[in-house]
Amino acid sequence: MLERLPKEFLSRLHNVEIVIEKRPTKSRLKAMGLDPQQDALYGLYEGTPLSERSALQPPLLPDKITIFSEPLLRDFPDPAELRKQIRLTLLHEIGHYFGMDEEEIEDLGY
């Protein structure tokens, strides 16, 4: 899946871990201000966006992009639609890594 992402994104991804978890925890959803009963979070970026980094204080840990499999599988039972949504979710979270806000990411179509 990663090899199908735009080269300009892949060449600038450094020290980023991409993991798959079943679902976000209720406490994680709550901490994000989301309703814990709504399990519709497909992905999450955690880390320091490139736009906020300093050469004097580089991040100590890798940034992390988490893809949540259960909500994706539930909401996109068609394999082609599932692949498309996983790609969009990855691109969306990579946008956050680059420091883009929700509006900027939506303007790109992710």
PDB file of N, CA and C in Angstrom:
ATOM      1  N   MET A   1       0.824  -1.192   0.000  1.00  0.00           N
ATOM      2  CA  MET A   1       0.000   0.000   0.000  1.00  0.00           C
ATOM      3  C   MET A   1       0.872   1.261   0.000  1.00  0.00           C
ATOM      4  N   LEU A   2       1.925   1.273   0.805  1.00  0.00           N
ATOM      5  CA  LEU A   2       2.764   2.473   0.874  1.00  0.00           C
ATOM      6  C   LEU A   2       3.418   2.803  -0.456  1.00  0.00           C
ATOM      7  N   GLU A   3       3.784   1.790  -1.211  1.00  0.00           N
ATOM      8  CA  GLU A   3       4.457   2.051  -2.481  1.00  0.00           C
ATOM      9  C   GLU A   3       3.550   2.759  -3.486  1.00  0.00           C
ATOM     10  N   ARG A   4       2.251   2.770  -3.238  1.00  0.00           N
ATOM     11  CA  ARG A   4       1.305   3.435  -4.135  1.00  0.00           C
ATOM     12  C   ARG A   4       1.030   4.888  -3.743  1.00  0.00           C
ATOM     13  N   LEU A   5       1.632   5.335  -2.655  1.00  0.00           N
ATOM     14  CA  LEU A   5       1.444   6.719  -2.229  1.00  0.00           C
ATOM     15  C   LEU A   5       2.324   7.634  -3.085  1.00  0.00           C
ATOM     16  N   PRO A   6       1.952   8.920  -3.183  1.00  0.00           N
ATOM     17  CA  PRO A   6       2.759   9.854  -3.984  1.00  0.00           C
ATOM     18  C   PRO A   6       4.220   9.883  -3.537  1.00  0.00           C
ATOM     19  N   LYS A   7       5.121   9.845  -4.505  1.00  0.00           N
ATOM     20  CA  LYS A   7       6.566   9.807  -4.224  1.00  0.00           C
ATOM     21  C   LYS A   7       7.020  11.018  -3.414  1.00  0.00           C
ATOM     22  N   GLU A   8       6.394  12.201  -3.673  1.00  0.00           N
ATOM     23  CA  GLU A   8       6.806  13.399  -2.942  1.00  0.00           C
ATOM     24  C   GLU A   8       6.486  13.280  -1.456  1.00  0.00           C
ATOM     25  N   PHE A   9       5.507  12.473  -1.104  1.00  0.00           N
ATOM     26  CA  PHE A   9       5.211  12.220   0.308  1.00  0.00           C
ATOM     27  C   PHE A   9       6.200  11.207   0.869  1.00  0.00           C
ATOM     28  N   LEU A  10       6.355  10.096   0.178  1.00  0.00           N
ATOM     29  CA  LEU A  10       7.206   9.015   0.690  1.00  0.00           C
ATOM     30  C   LEU A  10       8.650   9.453   0.887  1.00  0.00           C
ATOM     31  N   SER A  11       9.159  10.276  -0.023  1.00  0.00           N
ATOM     32  CA  SER A  11      10.564  10.680   0.071  1.00  0.00           C
ATOM     33  C   SER A  11      10.821  11.594   1.275  1.00  0.00           C
ATOM     34  N   ARG A  12       9.754  12.194   1.827  1.00  0.00           N
ATOM     35  CA  ARG A  12       9.918  13.113   2.959  1.00  0.00           C
ATOM     36  C   ARG A  12       9.467  12.514   4.290  1.00  0.00           C
ATOM     37  N   LEU A  13       9.019  11.271   4.280  1.00  0.00           N
ATOM     38  CA  LEU A  13       8.623  10.610   5.532  1.00  0.00           C
ATOM     39  C   LEU A  13       9.872  10.056   6.213  1.00  0.00           C
ATOM     40  N   HIS A  14      10.166  10.570   7.386  1.00  0.00           N
ATOM     41  CA  HIS A  14      11.334  10.103   8.123  1.00  0.00           C
ATOM     42  C   HIS A  14      10.936   9.855   9.575  1.00  0.00           C
ATOM     43  N   ASN A  15      11.386   8.746  10.091  1.00  0.00           N
ATOM     44  CA  ASN A  15      11.166   8.418  11.500  1.00  0.00           C
ATOM     45  C   ASN A  15       9.670   8.370  11.837  1.00  0.00           C
ATOM     46  N   VAL A  16       8.898   7.715  10.956  1.00  0.00           N
ATOM     47  CA  VAL A  16       7.459   7.566  11.157  1.00  0.00           C
ATOM     48  C   VAL A  16       7.127   6.076  11.183  1.00  0.00           C
ATOM     49  N   GLU A  17       6.469   5.674  12.232  1.00  0.00           N
ATOM     50  CA  GLU A  17       6.014   4.291  12.371  1.00  0.00           C
ATOM     51  C   GLU A  17       4.554   4.243  11.933  1.00  0.00           C
ATOM     52  N   ILE A  18       4.215   3.284  11.087  1.00  0.00           N
ATOM     53  CA  ILE A  18       2.825   3.095  10.669  1.00  0.00           C
ATOM     54  C   ILE A  18       2.376   1.746  11.220  1.00  0.00           C
ATOM     55  N   VAL A  19       1.324   1.796  12.052  1.00  0.00           N
ATOM     56  CA  VAL A  19       0.847   0.588  12.717  1.00  0.00           C
ATOM     57  C   VAL A  19      -0.644   0.410  12.456  1.00  0.00           C
ATOM     58  N   ILE A  20      -1.086  -0.812  12.643  1.00  0.00           N
ATOM     59  CA  ILE A  20      -2.502  -1.135  12.504  1.00  0.00           C
ATOM     60  C   ILE A  20      -2.986  -1.652  13.855  1.00  0.00           C
ATOM     61  N   GLU A  21      -4.070  -1.067  14.336  1.00  0.00           N
ATOM     62  CA  GLU A  21      -4.721  -1.531  15.560  1.00  0.00           C
ATOM     63  C   GLU A  21      -6.173  -1.838  15.218  1.00  0.00           C
ATOM     64  N   LYS A  22      -6.802  -2.675  16.035  1.00  0.00           N
ATOM     65  CA  LYS A  22      -8.195  -3.033  15.777  1.00  0.00           C
ATOM     66  C   LYS A  22      -9.118  -1.828  15.820  1.00  0.00           C
ATOM     67  N   ARG A  23      -9.037  -1.076  16.913  1.00  0.00           N
ATOM     68  CA  ARG A  23      -9.931   0.074  17.092  1.00  0.00           C
ATOM     69  C   ARG A  23      -9.307   1.020  18.099  1.00  0.00           C
ATOM     70  N   PRO A  24      -9.722   2.284  18.059  1.00  0.00           N
ATOM     71  CA  PRO A  24      -9.237   3.208  19.082  1.00  0.00           C
ATOM     72  C   PRO A  24      -9.895   2.893  20.425  1.00  0.00           C
ATOM     73  N   THR A  25      -9.168   3.091  21.480  1.00  0.00           N
ATOM     74  CA  THR A  25      -9.748   2.857  22.801  1.00  0.00           C
ATOM     75  C   THR A  25     -10.750   3.968  23.117  1.00  0.00           C
ATOM     76  N   LYS A  26     -11.677   3.662  23.999  1.00  0.00           N
ATOM     77  CA  LYS A  26     -12.667   4.661  24.413  1.00  0.00           C
ATOM     78  C   LYS A  26     -11.973   5.862  25.071  1.00  0.00           C
ATOM     79  N   SER A  27     -10.924   5.593  25.846  1.00  0.00           N
ATOM     80  CA  SER A  27     -10.214   6.699  26.500  1.00  0.00           C
ATOM     81  C   SER A  27      -9.495   7.577  25.473  1.00  0.00           C
ATOM     82  N   ARG A  28      -8.974   6.977  24.420  1.00  0.00           N
ATOM     83  CA  ARG A  28      -8.321   7.761  23.365  1.00  0.00           C
ATOM     84  C   ARG A  28      -9.337   8.650  22.662  1.00  0.00           C
ATOM     85  N   LEU A  29     -10.512   8.078  22.350  1.00  0.00           N
ATOM     86  CA  LEU A  29     -11.569   8.859  21.705  1.00  0.00           C
ATOM     87  C   LEU A  29     -12.010  10.015  22.598  1.00  0.00           C
ATOM     88  N   LYS A  30     -12.180   9.714  23.873  1.00  0.00           N
ATOM     89  CA  LYS A  30     -12.585  10.749  24.836  1.00  0.00           C
ATOM     90  C   LYS A  30     -11.552  11.866  24.901  1.00  0.00           C
ATOM     91  N   ALA A  31     -10.280  11.497  24.966  1.00  0.00           N
ATOM     92  CA  ALA A  31      -9.197  12.476  25.043  1.00  0.00           C
ATOM     93  C   ALA A  31      -9.159  13.377  23.810  1.00  0.00           C
ATOM     94  N   MET A  32      -9.623  12.866  22.689  1.00  0.00           N
ATOM     95  CA  MET A  32      -9.661  13.632  21.448  1.00  0.00           C
ATOM     96  C   MET A  32     -10.937  14.460  21.328  1.00  0.00           C
ATOM     97  N   GLY A  33     -11.811  14.336  22.327  1.00  0.00           N
ATOM     98  CA  GLY A  33     -13.069  15.064  22.279  1.00  0.00           C
ATOM     99  C   GLY A  33     -14.113  14.401  21.403  1.00  0.00           C
ATOM    100  N   LEU A  34     -13.928  13.114  21.120  1.00  0.00           N
ATOM    101  CA  LEU A  34     -14.870  12.360  20.294  1.00  0.00           C
ATOM    102  C   LEU A  34     -15.758  11.492  21.174  1.00  0.00           C
ATOM    103  N   ASP A  35     -16.922  11.193  20.694  1.00  0.00           N
ATOM    104  CA  ASP A  35     -17.866  10.342  21.417  1.00  0.00           C
ATOM    105  C   ASP A  35     -17.339   8.912  21.428  1.00  0.00           C
ATOM    106  N   PRO A  36     -17.058   8.354  22.612  1.00  0.00           N
ATOM    107  CA  PRO A  36     -16.537   6.988  22.693  1.00  0.00           C
ATOM    108  C   PRO A  36     -17.494   5.934  22.124  1.00  0.00           C
ATOM    109  N   GLN A  37     -18.776   6.273  22.015  1.00  0.00           N
ATOM    110  CA  GLN A  37     -19.739   5.323  21.443  1.00  0.00           C
ATOM    111  C   GLN A  37     -19.656   5.293  19.918  1.00  0.00           C
ATOM    112  N   GLN A  38     -19.102   6.335  19.331  1.00  0.00           N
ATOM    113  CA  GLN A  38     -18.946   6.402  17.884  1.00  0.00           C
ATOM    114  C   GLN A  38     -17.565   5.875  17.522  1.00  0.00           C
ATOM    115  N   ASP A  39     -17.530   4.736  16.923  1.00  0.00           N
ATOM    116  CA  ASP A  39     -16.260   4.095  16.577  1.00  0.00           C
ATOM    117  C   ASP A  39     -15.994   4.288  15.088  1.00  0.00           C
ATOM    118  N   ALA A  40     -15.843   5.553  14.658  1.00  0.00           N
ATOM    119  CA  ALA A  40     -15.670   5.831  13.233  1.00  0.00           C
ATOM    120  C   ALA A  40     -14.324   6.472  12.926  1.00  0.00           C
ATOM    121  N   LEU A  41     -13.374   6.368  13.839  1.00  0.00           N
ATOM    122  CA  LEU A  41     -12.048   6.913  13.594  1.00  0.00           C
ATOM    123  C   LEU A  41     -11.254   5.892  12.791  1.00  0.00           C
ATOM    124  N   TYR A  42     -10.800   6.301  11.611  1.00  0.00           N
ATOM    125  CA  TYR A  42     -10.071   5.383  10.733  1.00  0.00           C
ATOM    126  C   TYR A  42      -8.562   5.463  10.922  1.00  0.00           C
ATOM    127  N   GLY A  43      -8.070   6.631  11.297  1.00  0.00           N
ATOM    128  CA  GLY A  43      -6.636   6.794  11.452  1.00  0.00           C
ATOM    129  C   GLY A  43      -6.308   7.910  12.415  1.00  0.00           C
ATOM    130  N   LEU A  44      -5.056   7.921  12.872  1.00  0.00           N
ATOM    131  CA  LEU A  44      -4.617   8.912  13.843  1.00  0.00           C
ATOM    132  C   LEU A  44      -3.125   9.160  13.666  1.00  0.00           C
ATOM    133  N   TYR A  45      -2.759  10.437  13.628  1.00  0.00           N
ATOM    134  CA  TYR A  45      -1.349  10.825  13.618  1.00  0.00           C
ATOM    135  C   TYR A  45      -0.976  11.296  15.019  1.00  0.00           C
ATOM    136  N   GLU A  46       0.129  10.795  15.533  1.00  0.00           N
ATOM    137  CA  GLU A  46       0.653  11.225  16.826  1.00  0.00           C
ATOM    138  C   GLU A  46       2.126  11.565  16.651  1.00  0.00           C
ATOM    139  N   GLY A  47       2.468  12.768  17.033  1.00  0.00           N
ATOM    140  CA  GLY A  47       3.855  13.188  16.911  1.00  0.00           C
ATOM    141  C   GLY A  47       3.963  14.690  16.799  1.00  0.00           C
ATOM    142  N   THR A  48       5.117  15.143  16.355  1.00  0.00           N
ATOM    143  CA  THR A  48       5.366  16.564  16.157  1.00  0.00           C
ATOM    144  C   THR A  48       5.401  16.826  14.658  1.00  0.00           C
ATOM    145  N   PRO A  49       4.441  17.581  14.136  1.00  0.00           N
ATOM    146  CA  PRO A  49       4.434  17.861  12.700  1.00  0.00           C
ATOM    147  C   PRO A  49       5.737  18.523  12.251  1.00  0.00           C
ATOM    148  N   LEU A  50       6.131  18.274  11.020  1.00  0.00           N
ATOM    149  CA  LEU A  50       7.373  18.850  10.498  1.00  0.00           C
ATOM    150  C   LEU A  50       7.392  20.364  10.635  1.00  0.00           C
ATOM    151  N   SER A  51       6.235  20.992  10.461  1.00  0.00           N
ATOM    152  CA  SER A  51       6.169  22.456  10.521  1.00  0.00           C
ATOM    153  C   SER A  51       6.432  23.011  11.919  1.00  0.00           C
ATOM    154  N   GLU A  52       6.403  22.156  12.930  1.00  0.00           N
ATOM    155  CA  GLU A  52       6.618  22.608  14.312  1.00  0.00           C
ATOM    156  C   GLU A  52       7.957  22.144  14.893  1.00  0.00           C
ATOM    157  N   ARG A  53       8.776  21.511  14.092  1.00  0.00           N
ATOM    158  CA  ARG A  53      10.037  20.961  14.603  1.00  0.00           C
ATOM    159  C   ARG A  53      11.141  21.997  14.594  1.00  0.00           C
ATOM    160  N   SER A  54      12.099  21.772  15.471  1.00  0.00           N
ATOM    161  CA  SER A  54      13.270  22.629  15.575  1.00  0.00           C
ATOM    162  C   SER A  54      14.521  21.768  15.418  1.00  0.00           C
ATOM    163  N   ALA A  55      15.504  22.309  14.750  1.00  0.00           N
ATOM    164  CA  ALA A  55      16.774  21.586  14.623  1.00  0.00           C
ATOM    165  C   ALA A  55      17.452  21.434  15.979  1.00  0.00           C
ATOM    166  N   LEU A  56      17.119  22.334  16.897  1.00  0.00           N
ATOM    167  CA  LEU A  56      17.717  22.289  18.233  1.00  0.00           C
ATOM    168  C   LEU A  56      17.062  21.258  19.140  1.00  0.00           C
ATOM    169  N   GLN A  57      15.800  20.906  18.834  1.00  0.00           N
ATOM    170  CA  GLN A  57      15.083  19.926  19.638  1.00  0.00           C
ATOM    171  C   GLN A  57      14.369  18.917  18.731  1.00  0.00           C
ATOM    172  N   PRO A  58      15.130  18.011  18.133  1.00  0.00           N
ATOM    173  CA  PRO A  58      14.479  17.010  17.288  1.00  0.00           C
ATOM    174  C   PRO A  58      13.640  16.058  18.140  1.00  0.00           C
ATOM    175  N   PRO A  59      12.610  15.453  17.545  1.00  0.00           N
ATOM    176  CA  PRO A  59      11.790  14.512  18.321  1.00  0.00           C
ATOM    177  C   PRO A  59      12.622  13.319  18.793  1.00  0.00           C
ATOM    178  N   LEU A  60      12.337  12.858  19.996  1.00  0.00           N
ATOM    179  CA  LEU A  60      13.080  11.735  20.560  1.00  0.00           C
ATOM    180  C   LEU A  60      12.533  10.401  20.071  1.00  0.00           C
ATOM    181  N   LEU A  61      11.235  10.331  19.899  1.00  0.00           N
ATOM    182  CA  LEU A  61      10.593   9.086  19.470  1.00  0.00           C
ATOM    183  C   LEU A  61      10.098   9.229  18.045  1.00  0.00           C
ATOM    184  N   PRO A  62       9.896   8.123  17.365  1.00  0.00           N
ATOM    185  CA  PRO A  62       9.311   8.246  16.016  1.00  0.00           C
ATOM    186  C   PRO A  62       7.870   8.735  16.102  1.00  0.00           C
ATOM    187  N   ASP A  63       7.469   9.467  15.077  1.00  0.00           N
ATOM    188  CA  ASP A  63       6.062   9.814  14.957  1.00  0.00           C
ATOM    189  C   ASP A  63       5.313   8.527  14.641  1.00  0.00           C
ATOM    190  N   LYS A  64       4.009   8.557  14.838  1.00  0.00           N
ATOM    191  CA  LYS A  64       3.229   7.326  14.672  1.00  0.00           C
ATOM    192  C   LYS A  64       1.927   7.628  13.934  1.00  0.00           C
ATOM    193  N   ILE A  65       1.662   6.830  12.930  1.00  0.00           N
ATOM    194  CA  ILE A  65       0.373   6.850  12.242  1.00  0.00           C
ATOM    195  C   ILE A  65      -0.284   5.509  12.520  1.00  0.00           C
ATOM    196  N   THR A  66      -1.479   5.567  13.089  1.00  0.00           N
ATOM    197  CA  THR A  66      -2.222   4.353  13.406  1.00  0.00           C
ATOM    198  C   THR A  66      -3.426   4.259  12.486  1.00  0.00           C
ATOM    199  N   ILE A  67      -3.600   3.096  11.890  1.00  0.00           N
ATOM    200  CA  ILE A  67      -4.769   2.792  11.075  1.00  0.00           C
ATOM    201  C   ILE A  67      -5.626   1.825  11.886  1.00  0.00           C
ATOM    202  N   PHE A  68      -6.922   2.138  12.008  1.00  0.00           N
ATOM    203  CA  PHE A  68      -7.822   1.310  12.807  1.00  0.00           C
ATOM    204  C   PHE A  68      -8.633   0.401  11.878  1.00  0.00           C
ATOM    205  N   SER A  69      -8.363  -0.900  11.953  1.00  0.00           N
ATOM    206  CA  SER A  69      -8.918  -1.860  10.996  1.00  0.00           C
ATOM    207  C   SER A  69     -10.418  -2.117  11.153  1.00  0.00           C
ATOM    208  N   GLU A  70     -10.909  -2.254  12.376  1.00  0.00           N
ATOM    209  CA  GLU A  70     -12.322  -2.617  12.546  1.00  0.00           C
ATOM    210  C   GLU A  70     -13.296  -1.587  11.969  1.00  0.00           C
ATOM    211  N   PRO A  71     -13.131  -0.288  12.255  1.00  0.00           N
ATOM    212  CA  PRO A  71     -14.054   0.673  11.643  1.00  0.00           C
ATOM    213  C   PRO A  71     -13.972   0.681  10.111  1.00  0.00           C
ATOM    214  N   LEU A  72     -12.770   0.519   9.588  1.00  0.00           N
ATOM    215  CA  LEU A  72     -12.613   0.493   8.135  1.00  0.00           C
ATOM    216  C   LEU A  72     -13.294  -0.729   7.521  1.00  0.00           C
ATOM    217  N   LEU A  73     -13.062  -1.895   8.110  1.00  0.00           N
ATOM    218  CA  LEU A  73     -13.676  -3.121   7.587  1.00  0.00           C
ATOM    219  C   LEU A  73     -15.196  -3.078   7.703  1.00  0.00           C
ATOM    220  N   ARG A  74     -15.684  -2.495   8.769  1.00  0.00           N
ATOM    221  CA  ARG A  74     -17.131  -2.392   8.974  1.00  0.00           C
ATOM    222  C   ARG A  74     -17.768  -1.446   7.958  1.00  0.00           C
ATOM    223  N   ASP A  75     -17.142  -0.290   7.746  1.00  0.00           N
ATOM    224  CA  ASP A  75     -17.737   0.742   6.903  1.00  0.00           C
ATOM    225  C   ASP A  75     -17.466   0.573   5.415  1.00  0.00           C
ATOM    226  N   PHE A  76     -16.479  -0.253   5.067  1.00  0.00           N
ATOM    227  CA  PHE A  76     -16.118  -0.450   3.661  1.00  0.00           C
ATOM    228  C   PHE A  76     -15.961  -1.942   3.370  1.00  0.00           C
ATOM    229  N   PRO A  77     -17.084  -2.681   3.272  1.00  0.00           N
ATOM    230  CA  PRO A  77     -17.014  -4.129   3.050  1.00  0.00           C
ATOM    231  C   PRO A  77     -16.504  -4.508   1.648  1.00  0.00           C
ATOM    232  N   ASP A  78     -16.652  -3.615   0.686  1.00  0.00           N
ATOM    233  CA  ASP A  78     -16.163  -3.890  -0.667  1.00  0.00           C
ATOM    234  C   ASP A  78     -14.636  -3.723  -0.688  1.00  0.00           C
ATOM    235  N   PRO A  79     -13.887  -4.738  -1.128  1.00  0.00           N
ATOM    236  CA  PRO A  79     -12.418  -4.667  -1.095  1.00  0.00           C
ATOM    237  C   PRO A  79     -11.832  -3.465  -1.841  1.00  0.00           C
ATOM    238  N   ALA A  80     -12.402  -3.100  -2.975  1.00  0.00           N
ATOM    239  CA  ALA A  80     -11.877  -1.957  -3.728  1.00  0.00           C
ATOM    240  C   ALA A  80     -12.109  -0.656  -2.963  1.00  0.00           C
ATOM    241  N   GLU A  81     -13.282  -0.506  -2.374  1.00  0.00           N
ATOM    242  CA  GLU A  81     -13.582   0.685  -1.584  1.00  0.00           C
ATOM    243  C   GLU A  81     -12.727   0.729  -0.319  1.00  0.00           C
ATOM    244  N   LEU A  82     -12.482  -0.430   0.266  1.00  0.00           N
ATOM    245  CA  LEU A  82     -11.636  -0.505   1.462  1.00  0.00           C
ATOM    246  C   LEU A  82     -10.219  -0.038   1.139  1.00  0.00           C
ATOM    247  N   ARG A  83      -9.649  -0.537   0.045  1.00  0.00           N
ATOM    248  CA  ARG A  83      -8.299  -0.117  -0.362  1.00  0.00           C
ATOM    249  C   ARG A  83      -8.251   1.396  -0.592  1.00  0.00           C
ATOM    250  N   LYS A  84      -9.279   1.918  -1.254  1.00  0.00           N
ATOM    251  CA  LYS A  84      -9.340   3.352  -1.534  1.00  0.00           C
ATOM    252  C   LYS A  84      -9.384   4.151  -0.225  1.00  0.00           C
ATOM    253  N   GLN A  85     -10.190   3.702   0.722  1.00  0.00           N
ATOM    254  CA  GLN A  85     -10.307   4.431   1.990  1.00  0.00           C
ATOM    255  C   GLN A  85      -9.044   4.323   2.823  1.00  0.00           C
ATOM    256  N   ILE A  86      -8.386   3.177   2.813  1.00  0.00           N
ATOM    257  CA  ILE A  86      -7.117   3.047   3.541  1.00  0.00           C
ATOM    258  C   ILE A  86      -6.093   4.020   2.973  1.00  0.00           C
ATOM    259  N   ARG A  87      -6.032   4.119   1.644  1.00  0.00           N
ATOM    260  CA  ARG A  87      -5.111   5.056   0.991  1.00  0.00           C
ATOM    261  C   ARG A  87      -5.441   6.487   1.400  1.00  0.00           C
ATOM    262  N   LEU A  88      -6.715   6.857   1.349  1.00  0.00           N
ATOM    263  CA  LEU A  88      -7.125   8.204   1.741  1.00  0.00           C
ATOM    264  C   LEU A  88      -6.794   8.483   3.210  1.00  0.00           C
ATOM    265  N   THR A  89      -7.016   7.489   4.054  1.00  0.00           N
ATOM    266  CA  THR A  89      -6.716   7.651   5.482  1.00  0.00           C
ATOM    267  C   THR A  89      -5.219   7.866   5.694  1.00  0.00           C
ATOM    268  N   LEU A  90      -4.401   7.064   5.035  1.00  0.00           N
ATOM    269  CA  LEU A  90      -2.947   7.245   5.147  1.00  0.00           C
ATOM    270  C   LEU A  90      -2.525   8.631   4.673  1.00  0.00           C
ATOM    271  N   LEU A  91      -3.042   9.053   3.519  1.00  0.00           N
ATOM    272  CA  LEU A  91      -2.694  10.369   3.000  1.00  0.00           C
ATOM    273  C   LEU A  91      -3.145  11.478   3.948  1.00  0.00           C
ATOM    274  N   HIS A  92      -4.306  11.304   4.531  1.00  0.00           N
ATOM    275  CA  HIS A  92      -4.828  12.277   5.495  1.00  0.00           C
ATOM    276  C   HIS A  92      -3.883  12.408   6.691  1.00  0.00           C
ATOM    277  N   GLU A  93      -3.481  11.276   7.254  1.00  0.00           N
ATOM    278  CA  GLU A  93      -2.604  11.300   8.428  1.00  0.00           C
ATOM    279  C   GLU A  93      -1.204  11.792   8.070  1.00  0.00           C
ATOM    280  N   ILE A  94      -0.731  11.480   6.885  1.00  0.00           N
ATOM    281  CA  ILE A  94       0.565  11.997   6.428  1.00  0.00           C
ATOM    282  C   ILE A  94       0.481  13.515   6.283  1.00  0.00           C
ATOM    283  N   GLY A  95      -0.669  14.017   5.857  1.00  0.00           N
ATOM    284  CA  GLY A  95      -0.872  15.465   5.795  1.00  0.00           C
ATOM    285  C   GLY A  95      -0.667  16.110   7.156  1.00  0.00           C
ATOM    286  N   HIS A  96      -1.176  15.474   8.209  1.00  0.00           N
ATOM    287  CA  HIS A  96      -0.952  15.989   9.567  1.00  0.00           C
ATOM    288  C   HIS A  96       0.537  15.958   9.921  1.00  0.00           C
ATOM    289  N   TYR A  97       1.242  14.922   9.497  1.00  0.00           N
ATOM    290  CA  TYR A  97       2.689  14.831   9.727  1.00  0.00           C
ATOM    291  C   TYR A  97       3.396  16.045   9.110  1.00  0.00           C
ATOM    292  N   PHE A  98       2.930  16.468   7.935  1.00  0.00           N
ATOM    293  CA  PHE A  98       3.530  17.625   7.263  1.00  0.00           C
ATOM    294  C   PHE A  98       3.056  18.955   7.852  1.00  0.00           C
ATOM    295  N   GLY A  99       2.148  18.901   8.837  1.00  0.00           N
ATOM    296  CA  GLY A  99       1.701  20.115   9.501  1.00  0.00           C
ATOM    297  C   GLY A  99       0.437  20.720   8.931  1.00  0.00           C
ATOM    298  N   MET A 100      -0.254  20.002   8.078  1.00  0.00           N
ATOM    299  CA  MET A 100      -1.488  20.519   7.487  1.00  0.00           C
ATOM    300  C   MET A 100      -2.644  20.361   8.462  1.00  0.00           C
ATOM    301  N   ASP A 101      -3.554  21.335   8.441  1.00  0.00           N
ATOM    302  CA  ASP A 101      -4.761  21.210   9.258  1.00  0.00           C
ATOM    303  C   ASP A 101      -5.848  20.521   8.430  1.00  0.00           C
ATOM    304  N   GLU A 102      -6.991  20.276   9.056  1.00  0.00           N
ATOM    305  CA  GLU A 102      -8.073  19.534   8.397  1.00  0.00           C
ATOM    306  C   GLU A 102      -8.507  20.193   7.082  1.00  0.00           C
ATOM    307  N   GLU A 103      -8.608  21.521   7.090  1.00  0.00           N
ATOM    308  CA  GLU A 103      -9.061  22.223   5.886  1.00  0.00           C
ATOM    309  C   GLU A 103      -8.063  22.064   4.743  1.00  0.00           C
ATOM    310  N   GLU A 104      -6.794  22.200   5.034  1.00  0.00           N
ATOM    311  CA  GLU A 104      -5.762  22.045   4.002  1.00  0.00           C
ATOM    312  C   GLU A 104      -5.762  20.631   3.434  1.00  0.00           C
ATOM    313  N   ILE A 105      -5.941  19.654   4.300  1.00  0.00           N
ATOM    314  CA  ILE A 105      -5.977  18.255   3.848  1.00  0.00           C
ATOM    315  C   ILE A 105      -7.200  18.015   2.978  1.00  0.00           C
ATOM    316  N   GLU A 106      -8.353  18.543   3.382  1.00  0.00           N
ATOM    317  CA  GLU A 106      -9.570  18.392   2.587  1.00  0.00           C
ATOM    318  C   GLU A 106      -9.418  19.078   1.231  1.00  0.00           C
ATOM    319  N   ASP A 107      -8.736  20.244   1.185  1.00  0.00           N
ATOM    320  CA  ASP A 107      -8.509  20.929  -0.083  1.00  0.00           C
ATOM    321  C   ASP A 107      -7.711  20.071  -1.056  1.00  0.00           C
ATOM    322  N   LEU A 108      -6.847  19.211  -0.520  1.00  0.00           N
ATOM    323  CA  LEU A 108      -6.077  18.285  -1.361  1.00  0.00           C
ATOM    324  C   LEU A 108      -6.901  17.067  -1.782  1.00  0.00           C
ATOM    325  N   GLY A 109      -8.046  16.893  -1.161  1.00  0.00           N
ATOM    326  CA  GLY A 109      -8.885  15.754  -1.504  1.00  0.00           C
ATOM    327  C   GLY A 109      -8.664  14.524  -0.643  1.00  0.00           C
ATOM    328  N   TYR A 110      -7.996  14.701   0.495  1.00  0.00           N
ATOM    329  CA  TYR A 110      -7.731  13.572   1.383  1.00  0.00           C
ATOM    330  C   TYR A 110      -8.595  13.651   2.607  1.00  0.00           C
TER     331      TYR A 110
END
